[in-house]
Protein backbone atom coordinates (compact mmCIF):
# COMPACT_ATOMS: atom_id res chain seq x y z
CA MET A 1 7.40 6.51 -58.98
CA ARG A 2 5.30 7.86 -56.18
CA LEU A 3 5.10 4.37 -54.66
CA ARG A 4 8.86 3.99 -54.85
CA ALA A 5 9.26 7.36 -53.06
CA LEU A 6 6.97 6.32 -50.20
CA LEU A 7 8.71 3.02 -49.53
CA PRO A 8 11.95 4.55 -48.11
CA MET A 9 9.90 6.91 -45.93
CA LEU A 10 7.83 4.01 -44.62
CA ALA A 11 10.96 2.01 -43.83
CA LEU A 12 12.46 4.98 -41.99
CA ALA A 13 9.29 5.46 -39.93
CA LEU A 14 9.25 1.79 -38.95
CA ALA A 15 12.89 1.94 -37.93
CA LEU A 16 12.34 5.04 -35.81
CA GLY A 17 9.34 3.41 -34.18
CA ALA A 18 11.38 0.32 -33.35
CA CYS A 19 14.11 2.47 -31.80
CA ALA A 20 11.57 4.39 -29.74
CA GLU A 21 10.02 1.15 -28.51
CA GLU A 22 13.45 -0.24 -27.64
CA GLU A 23 14.35 2.93 -25.74
CA VAL A 24 11.21 2.72 -23.62
CA LEU A 25 11.97 -0.90 -22.75
CA VAL A 26 15.47 -0.21 -21.50
CA ASN A 27 14.62 2.86 -19.38
CA PRO A 28 14.94 1.99 -15.67
CA PRO A 29 11.70 2.07 -13.68
CA THR A 30 11.09 5.06 -11.46
CA ALA A 31 12.03 4.35 -7.85
CA ALA A 32 9.16 4.15 -5.38
CA SER A 33 8.83 7.28 -3.25
CA LEU A 34 9.60 7.14 0.45
CA GLU A 35 7.79 10.36 1.35
CA GLY A 36 5.03 9.93 3.88
CA SER A 37 5.95 6.32 4.70
CA ARG A 38 6.55 4.82 8.15
CA TRP A 39 8.70 1.78 8.90
CA VAL A 40 9.83 -0.51 11.72
CA VAL A 41 13.42 -1.77 11.73
CA THR A 42 13.58 -5.56 11.78
CA GLY A 43 17.40 -5.78 11.78
CA PHE A 44 20.58 -4.00 10.78
CA THR A 45 24.29 -4.62 10.36
CA LEU A 46 27.21 -2.24 10.67
CA ASP A 47 30.70 -3.28 9.60
CA GLY A 48 29.70 -6.93 9.67
CA THR A 49 28.14 -6.89 13.14
CA GLY A 50 24.41 -7.05 13.88
CA GLY A 51 21.44 -8.87 12.44
CA PRO A 52 17.78 -9.32 13.44
CA LEU A 53 16.67 -7.34 16.47
CA PRO A 54 15.73 -9.17 19.68
CA ALA A 55 12.04 -9.60 20.43
CA GLY A 56 10.54 -6.54 22.08
CA ILE A 57 13.06 -4.09 20.59
CA ARG A 58 11.35 -1.41 18.51
CA LEU A 59 13.27 1.00 16.28
CA THR A 60 11.33 3.10 13.79
CA LEU A 61 11.99 5.27 10.74
CA ASP A 62 9.49 7.80 9.39
CA PHE A 63 9.84 9.84 6.19
CA ASP A 64 7.80 13.06 6.10
CA ASP A 65 6.69 15.02 3.04
CA ALA A 66 9.26 17.80 3.49
CA GLY A 67 12.54 15.89 3.20
CA GLY A 68 12.83 14.97 6.84
CA ALA A 69 13.22 11.66 8.63
CA GLY A 70 12.97 10.60 12.24
CA GLY A 71 11.77 7.97 14.66
CA THR A 72 12.77 6.16 17.81
CA ALA A 73 16.22 4.60 18.15
CA GLY A 74 15.61 2.45 21.21
CA CYS A 75 16.09 5.10 23.90
CA ASN A 76 15.97 8.49 22.19
CA SER A 77 13.95 10.05 19.43
CA TYR A 78 16.04 11.12 16.45
CA PHE A 79 15.72 13.32 13.36
CA GLY A 80 17.56 14.17 10.15
CA THR A 81 17.20 15.32 6.55
CA VAL A 82 16.82 13.01 3.56
CA THR A 83 17.97 13.38 -0.04
CA SER A 84 16.82 10.63 -2.40
CA THR A 85 17.07 9.92 -6.11
CA ALA A 86 16.16 6.86 -8.17
CA GLY A 87 17.38 4.27 -5.70
CA GLY A 88 19.93 6.51 -4.00
CA ILE A 89 19.53 8.02 -0.54
CA THR A 90 21.49 9.97 2.05
CA VAL A 91 20.43 10.84 5.59
CA ALA A 92 22.30 13.86 6.96
CA GLY A 93 22.24 16.09 10.02
CA ILE A 94 21.18 13.28 12.35
CA GLY A 95 20.44 14.49 15.87
CA SER A 96 18.55 13.07 18.83
CA THR A 97 17.20 13.75 22.26
CA GLU A 98 19.61 13.14 25.11
CA MET A 99 18.04 10.61 27.44
CA ALA A 100 20.30 8.00 29.01
CA CYS A 101 19.37 4.31 29.08
CA GLU A 102 21.17 1.07 29.85
CA PRO A 103 24.63 0.71 28.24
CA GLU A 104 23.54 -2.05 25.82
CA VAL A 105 20.56 0.05 24.69
CA MET A 106 22.76 3.10 24.14
CA GLU A 107 25.34 1.06 22.23
CA ARG A 108 22.69 -0.37 19.88
CA GLU A 109 21.22 3.10 19.41
CA MET A 110 24.62 4.58 18.52
CA ARG A 111 25.31 1.79 16.02
CA PHE A 112 21.90 2.17 14.41
CA LEU A 113 22.24 5.94 13.96
CA THR A 114 25.79 5.46 12.62
CA ALA A 115 24.49 2.90 10.11
CA LEU A 116 21.64 5.20 9.08
CA GLY A 117 24.08 8.03 8.44
CA ARG A 118 26.14 5.84 6.08
CA VAL A 119 23.39 4.45 3.79
CA THR A 120 23.63 5.37 0.12
CA ALA A 121 20.96 3.25 -1.59
CA PHE A 122 17.47 1.93 -0.99
CA ALA A 123 15.20 -0.69 -2.49
CA ARG A 124 11.49 -0.71 -1.76
CA GLU A 125 9.27 -3.67 -2.51
CA ALA A 126 5.85 -4.72 -1.27
CA GLY A 127 6.13 -5.09 2.47
CA HIS A 128 9.88 -4.45 2.68
CA LEU A 129 12.42 -1.63 2.57
CA SER A 130 16.18 -2.12 2.59
CA LEU A 131 18.82 0.58 3.05
CA THR A 132 22.41 -0.23 2.14
CA ALA A 133 25.84 1.30 1.68
CA GLY A 134 27.80 0.93 -1.54
CA ASP A 135 30.73 -0.68 0.24
CA GLY A 136 28.51 -3.41 1.70
CA ALA A 137 29.34 -2.44 5.28
CA VAL A 138 25.82 -1.29 6.15
CA SER A 139 22.38 -2.79 5.73
CA ILE A 140 19.09 -1.88 7.41
CA ASP A 141 15.97 -4.00 6.92
CA LEU A 142 12.54 -2.53 7.57
CA ALA A 143 8.89 -3.56 7.46
CA PRO A 144 5.86 -1.23 7.16
CA PHE A 145 4.75 0.41 10.39
CA VAL A 146 1.28 -0.81 11.37
CA PRO A 147 -0.26 1.35 14.12
CA GLU A 148 -2.13 -0.51 16.80
CA ALA A 149 -5.50 0.61 18.09
CA ASP A 150 -5.39 2.31 21.48
CA ARG A 151 -5.98 -0.19 24.28
CA PRO A 152 -8.68 0.76 26.80
CA LEU A 153 -7.42 2.30 30.01
CA ALA A 154 -9.72 0.24 32.22
CA GLY A 155 -9.80 -3.53 31.93
CA THR A 156 -6.21 -3.77 30.65
CA THR A 157 -3.37 -5.17 32.71
CA TRP A 158 -0.57 -2.64 32.17
CA GLN A 159 2.99 -3.86 32.70
CA LEU A 160 5.60 -1.29 33.67
CA THR A 161 8.48 -1.18 31.18
CA THR A 162 10.28 2.15 31.64
CA LEU A 163 10.92 4.62 34.44
CA ILE A 164 11.73 8.15 33.29
CA ASP A 165 13.40 10.60 35.66
CA GLY A 166 14.40 13.86 33.98
CA GLU A 167 16.71 13.03 31.09
CA ALA A 168 17.31 9.45 32.25
CA ALA A 169 15.20 6.47 31.25
CA SER A 170 15.70 3.04 32.74
CA SER A 171 14.10 -0.35 32.31
CA ILE A 172 12.55 -2.12 35.24
CA ILE A 173 14.71 -4.36 37.43
CA ALA A 174 15.22 -7.78 35.89
CA GLY A 175 13.06 -10.44 37.50
CA THR A 176 10.34 -8.00 38.59
CA THR A 177 6.97 -7.50 36.91
CA PRO A 178 5.36 -4.25 38.10
CA THR A 179 1.75 -3.88 36.98
CA LEU A 180 -1.13 -1.42 37.05
CA GLU A 181 -4.86 -1.97 36.66
CA VAL A 182 -7.48 0.76 36.47
CA ASP A 183 -11.07 0.37 37.61
CA ASP A 184 -12.48 3.60 36.25
CA LEU A 185 -16.03 2.95 37.40
CA ALA A 186 -14.97 2.27 40.97
CA GLY A 187 -12.44 5.12 40.89
CA ARG A 188 -9.46 3.07 42.00
CA ILE A 189 -6.17 1.60 40.81
CA SER A 190 -4.29 -1.48 41.93
CA GLY A 191 -1.15 -3.32 40.98
CA ASN A 192 2.28 -4.45 41.99
CA THR A 193 5.57 -2.55 42.24
CA GLY A 194 7.79 -5.56 41.66
CA CYS A 195 7.79 -6.21 45.38
CA ASN A 196 4.51 -5.20 47.02
CA ASN A 197 0.87 -5.11 45.96
CA PHE A 198 -0.92 -1.76 46.21
CA PHE A 199 -4.33 -0.16 45.75
CA GLY A 200 -5.97 3.19 46.23
CA PRO A 201 -8.36 5.83 44.85
CA ALA A 202 -7.76 7.47 41.47
CA THR A 203 -9.76 9.75 39.23
CA PHE A 204 -9.08 9.77 35.47
CA ALA A 205 -10.45 12.61 33.35
CA GLU A 206 -9.90 13.13 29.60
CA GLN A 207 -6.15 13.76 29.94
CA THR A 208 -5.62 14.32 33.65
CA VAL A 209 -5.37 11.99 36.61
CA SER A 210 -5.35 12.38 40.35
CA VAL A 211 -4.26 9.54 42.64
CA GLY A 212 -5.10 9.49 46.35
CA ASP A 213 -3.28 7.83 49.21
CA LEU A 214 -2.09 4.37 48.22
CA MET A 215 -2.08 1.35 50.53
CA SER A 216 0.36 -1.53 50.08
CA THR A 217 1.64 -4.74 51.57
CA LYS A 218 4.84 -4.52 53.61
CA MET A 219 7.23 -7.01 52.09
CA ALA A 220 10.95 -6.15 52.06
CA CYS A 221 12.88 -6.83 48.87
CA GLU A 222 16.37 -6.12 47.52
CA PRO A 223 17.46 -2.45 47.85
CA ALA A 224 17.28 -1.84 44.08
CA VAL A 225 13.76 -3.26 43.94
CA MET A 226 12.70 -1.09 46.88
CA ALA A 227 14.17 1.97 45.15
CA GLN A 228 12.09 1.10 42.09
CA GLU A 229 9.01 0.79 44.30
CA THR A 230 9.67 4.19 45.85
CA LEU A 231 9.86 5.82 42.42
CA VAL A 232 6.65 4.12 41.31
CA PHE A 233 4.79 5.36 44.38
CA GLU A 234 6.22 8.88 44.05
CA VAL A 235 5.18 9.22 40.41
CA LEU A 236 1.73 7.74 40.98
CA GLY A 237 1.19 9.93 44.04
CA ALA A 238 2.04 13.06 42.04
CA ALA A 239 0.42 11.91 38.78
CA ALA A 240 -0.98 14.77 36.72
CA THR A 241 -1.52 13.51 33.15
CA TRP A 242 -1.95 10.26 31.25
CA GLU A 243 -1.98 9.24 27.60
CA ILE A 244 -2.35 6.03 25.61
CA ASP A 245 -0.64 5.46 22.27
CA GLY A 246 -1.53 2.05 20.91
CA THR A 247 -0.30 -0.42 23.50
CA THR A 248 1.62 2.13 25.58
CA LEU A 249 0.33 3.99 28.61
CA ARG A 250 2.33 6.88 30.05
CA ILE A 251 1.53 8.45 33.40
CA THR A 252 3.42 11.67 34.12
CA ALA A 253 3.85 13.53 37.39
CA ALA A 254 3.79 17.30 37.73
CA ASP A 255 7.61 17.33 38.04
CA GLY A 256 8.01 15.54 34.67
CA ARG A 257 8.86 12.08 35.93
CA SER A 258 6.95 9.36 34.11
CA LEU A 259 6.03 5.69 34.15
CA GLU A 260 5.59 3.89 30.84
CA PHE A 261 3.48 0.74 30.70
CA SER A 262 2.81 -1.76 27.94
CA ALA A 263 -0.49 -3.57 27.55
CA GLY A 264 -0.13 -7.12 28.80
């Protein structure tokens, strides 16, 4: 009789164990956390328009550990707050700095920030992050951000990419290739403004720089190119600080105007 009493209990235990095992199998996996991760946007669409980004365009998205997000949108830096669940995400309160760039850059920036503000879901896999909207009108594709080692100041050919004057940032004139080279040991710089070659004395300390009188050739170019040259000479002549971040060199004058170069 005791054996007969144990059999129903054993059957019940086996059944409960099977149910527990089945329940574990059907539970959805926990979504990968986004906190503390950094990403580079490889392409995005908004309302059916968009796709892969052109070569040389760099948009970023960083998630901090306190529920914030931010990055660079092409011209301005931006920021916002993030709420995420298992696969769901919202980015709210998006704001940005207020620099002005070329119209096409500003339009792409506006569309990207609009798309970011409409995402509702994310999927993270090895080497890829996708943000989407439930209605299918938005998708943002991202790859992990890989920081580059700082390029050496001297011995690198720096190519001018951006001129910053107050709250306005502009790309260099199409068809020109302004450059800068630093010979730290000789205490001099040289380069090209997009029109004329130049050279002159310069002293670089840990974060500061002082540039002496610059000499240049005397070619005459188009008015816009000459205006670019004037700005380059003015900023270099009043240069006060410099910094390198990966492949980017920024030289800033005392009045806040800056030249941004990319390692060639």
